[in-house]
Amino acid sequence: VQLVESGGGLVQPGGSLRLSCVASGRIFSINFMGWFRQAPGKERELVASMPNGDTTNYADSVKGRFTISRDNAKDTLYLQMNSLKPDDTAIYYCNADIETGDGRLISYWGQGTQVTVSS
């Protein structure tokens, strides 16, 4: 099983980016999915998550600016980021709890995608 993120880049303050995370491999089902980020010198933090069904959770720092969504048919997770601020600069990681074809439930991480907000 692999998680592959895309969509990061350099954007000016106030701009927007859309991150994608595609899961592939021997997937029976996907439970929790979420986006985390880690800025230089800081711990990794949860940005947004979809723990089950259509339930969404957001960190206070991104509420009203970021929107998480998932396409179950494509095993894909998205993060729409609007009104970006320099403090949003970080490596963004996708995380998913996946039940594999042999019945194991494993937490997987993507390789990360860099988001830089700067003028």
Protein backbone atom coordinates (compact mmCIF):
# COMPACT_ATOMS: atom_id res chain seq x y z
CA VAL A 1 0.00 0.00 0.00
CA GLN A 2 1.22 3.49 -0.85
CA LEU A 3 0.00 7.01 -0.19
CA VAL A 4 1.20 9.59 -2.70
CA GLU A 5 0.63 13.31 -2.12
CA SER A 6 0.72 16.04 -4.74
CA GLY A 7 -0.27 19.66 -5.14
CA GLY A 8 2.24 21.46 -2.95
CA GLY A 9 4.24 24.46 -4.06
CA LEU A 10 5.07 28.10 -3.55
CA VAL A 11 2.16 30.51 -3.17
CA GLN A 12 1.80 34.12 -2.08
CA PRO A 13 -0.05 35.03 1.13
CA GLY A 14 -3.78 34.97 0.50
CA GLY A 15 -3.41 32.39 -2.25
CA SER A 16 -4.81 28.88 -2.57
CA LEU A 17 -3.53 25.37 -3.11
CA ARG A 18 -5.24 21.99 -3.37
CA LEU A 19 -3.43 18.94 -2.06
CA SER A 20 -4.31 15.41 -3.16
CA CYS A 21 -3.42 12.05 -1.63
CA VAL A 22 -4.00 8.85 -3.58
CA ALA A 23 -3.96 5.46 -1.88
CA SER A 24 -3.02 2.43 -3.94
CA GLY A 25 -2.25 -1.25 -3.40
CA ARG A 26 -4.07 -4.11 -1.67
CA ILE A 27 -6.78 -2.03 0.00
CA PHE A 28 -9.84 -3.65 1.50
CA SER A 29 -11.13 -0.54 3.22
CA ILE A 30 -9.93 2.87 4.39
CA ASN A 31 -11.00 4.13 7.79
CA PHE A 32 -9.40 7.28 9.23
CA MET A 33 -7.84 9.71 6.75
CA GLY A 34 -6.17 12.96 7.65
CA TRP A 35 -3.66 15.67 6.80
CA PHE A 36 -0.79 16.54 9.11
CA ARG A 37 1.92 19.14 8.74
CA GLN A 38 5.36 19.74 10.16
CA ALA A 39 7.13 23.09 10.07
CA PRO A 40 10.89 23.43 10.64
CA GLY A 41 11.71 23.04 14.32
CA LYS A 42 8.14 22.12 15.26
CA GLU A 43 6.32 18.89 15.99
CA ARG A 44 4.01 17.30 13.46
CA GLU A 45 0.43 18.47 14.00
CA LEU A 46 -2.98 17.37 12.81
CA VAL A 47 -4.45 19.86 10.33
CA ALA A 48 -7.70 18.19 9.28
CA SER A 49 -9.21 14.73 9.37
CA MET A 50 -12.13 12.58 8.33
CA PRO A 51 -12.28 9.92 11.04
CA ASN A 52 -15.36 8.18 9.66
CA GLY A 53 -18.06 8.80 7.08
CA ASP A 54 -18.45 12.49 6.31
CA THR A 55 -17.34 13.73 9.74
CA THR A 56 -14.62 16.39 9.51
CA ASN A 57 -12.32 17.87 12.14
CA TYR A 58 -10.01 20.87 11.80
CA ALA A 59 -7.26 22.48 13.80
CA ASP A 60 -8.37 25.87 15.12
CA SER A 61 -5.65 27.56 13.09
CA VAL A 62 -7.16 26.46 9.76
CA LYS A 63 -10.91 26.51 10.47
CA GLY A 64 -12.76 28.51 7.85
CA ARG A 65 -9.80 28.45 5.46
CA PHE A 66 -9.13 24.77 4.76
CA THR A 67 -11.58 22.11 3.57
CA ILE A 68 -10.93 18.37 3.70
CA SER A 69 -12.79 15.95 1.47
CA ARG A 70 -12.46 12.43 0.13
CA ASP A 71 -13.50 10.49 -2.94
CA ASN A 72 -14.01 6.94 -1.76
CA ALA A 73 -14.40 5.60 -5.30
CA LYS A 74 -10.89 6.86 -6.10
CA ASP A 75 -9.34 6.22 -2.66
CA THR A 76 -8.29 9.88 -2.72
CA LEU A 77 -8.14 12.53 -0.01
CA TYR A 78 -8.07 16.25 -0.74
CA LEU A 79 -7.21 19.40 1.18
CA GLN A 80 -8.37 22.70 -0.28
CA MET A 81 -6.35 25.48 1.32
CA ASN A 82 -7.53 29.08 0.90
CA SER A 83 -6.35 32.38 2.37
CA LEU A 84 -2.94 30.88 2.98
CA LYS A 85 -0.63 32.51 5.51
CA PRO A 86 3.14 32.32 5.99
CA ASP A 87 2.46 30.29 9.17
CA ASP A 88 0.97 27.56 6.95
CA THR A 89 4.43 26.88 5.51
CA ALA A 90 5.29 23.25 6.25
CA ILE A 91 5.62 19.79 4.81
CA TYR A 92 2.11 18.34 4.56
CA TYR A 93 1.64 14.61 5.09
CA CYS A 94 -1.30 12.36 4.32
CA ASN A 95 -2.17 9.63 6.83
CA ALA A 96 -4.65 6.79 6.51
CA ASP A 97 -5.68 3.73 8.50
CA ILE A 98 -6.08 1.02 5.89
CA GLU A 99 -7.36 -2.52 6.19
CA THR A 100 -5.37 -4.60 3.75
CA GLY A 101 -6.55 -7.63 1.81
CA ASP A 102 -5.17 -10.00 4.48
CA GLY A 103 -7.19 -8.40 7.27
CA ARG A 104 -4.54 -6.21 8.89
CA LEU A 105 -5.29 -2.59 9.89
CA ILE A 106 -2.19 -0.46 9.36
CA SER A 107 -1.49 3.26 9.58
CA TYR A 108 0.25 4.52 6.46
CA TRP A 109 1.99 7.84 5.75
CA GLY A 110 2.75 9.57 2.49
CA GLN A 111 6.15 11.00 1.66
CA GLY A 112 5.02 14.59 2.20
CA THR A 113 4.59 17.61 -0.04
CA GLN A 114 6.13 21.01 0.64
CA VAL A 115 3.87 24.04 0.96
CA THR A 116 5.60 27.41 1.11
CA VAL A 117 3.65 30.64 1.61
CA SER A 118 5.80 33.65 0.90
CA SER A 119 5.78 36.90 -1.00
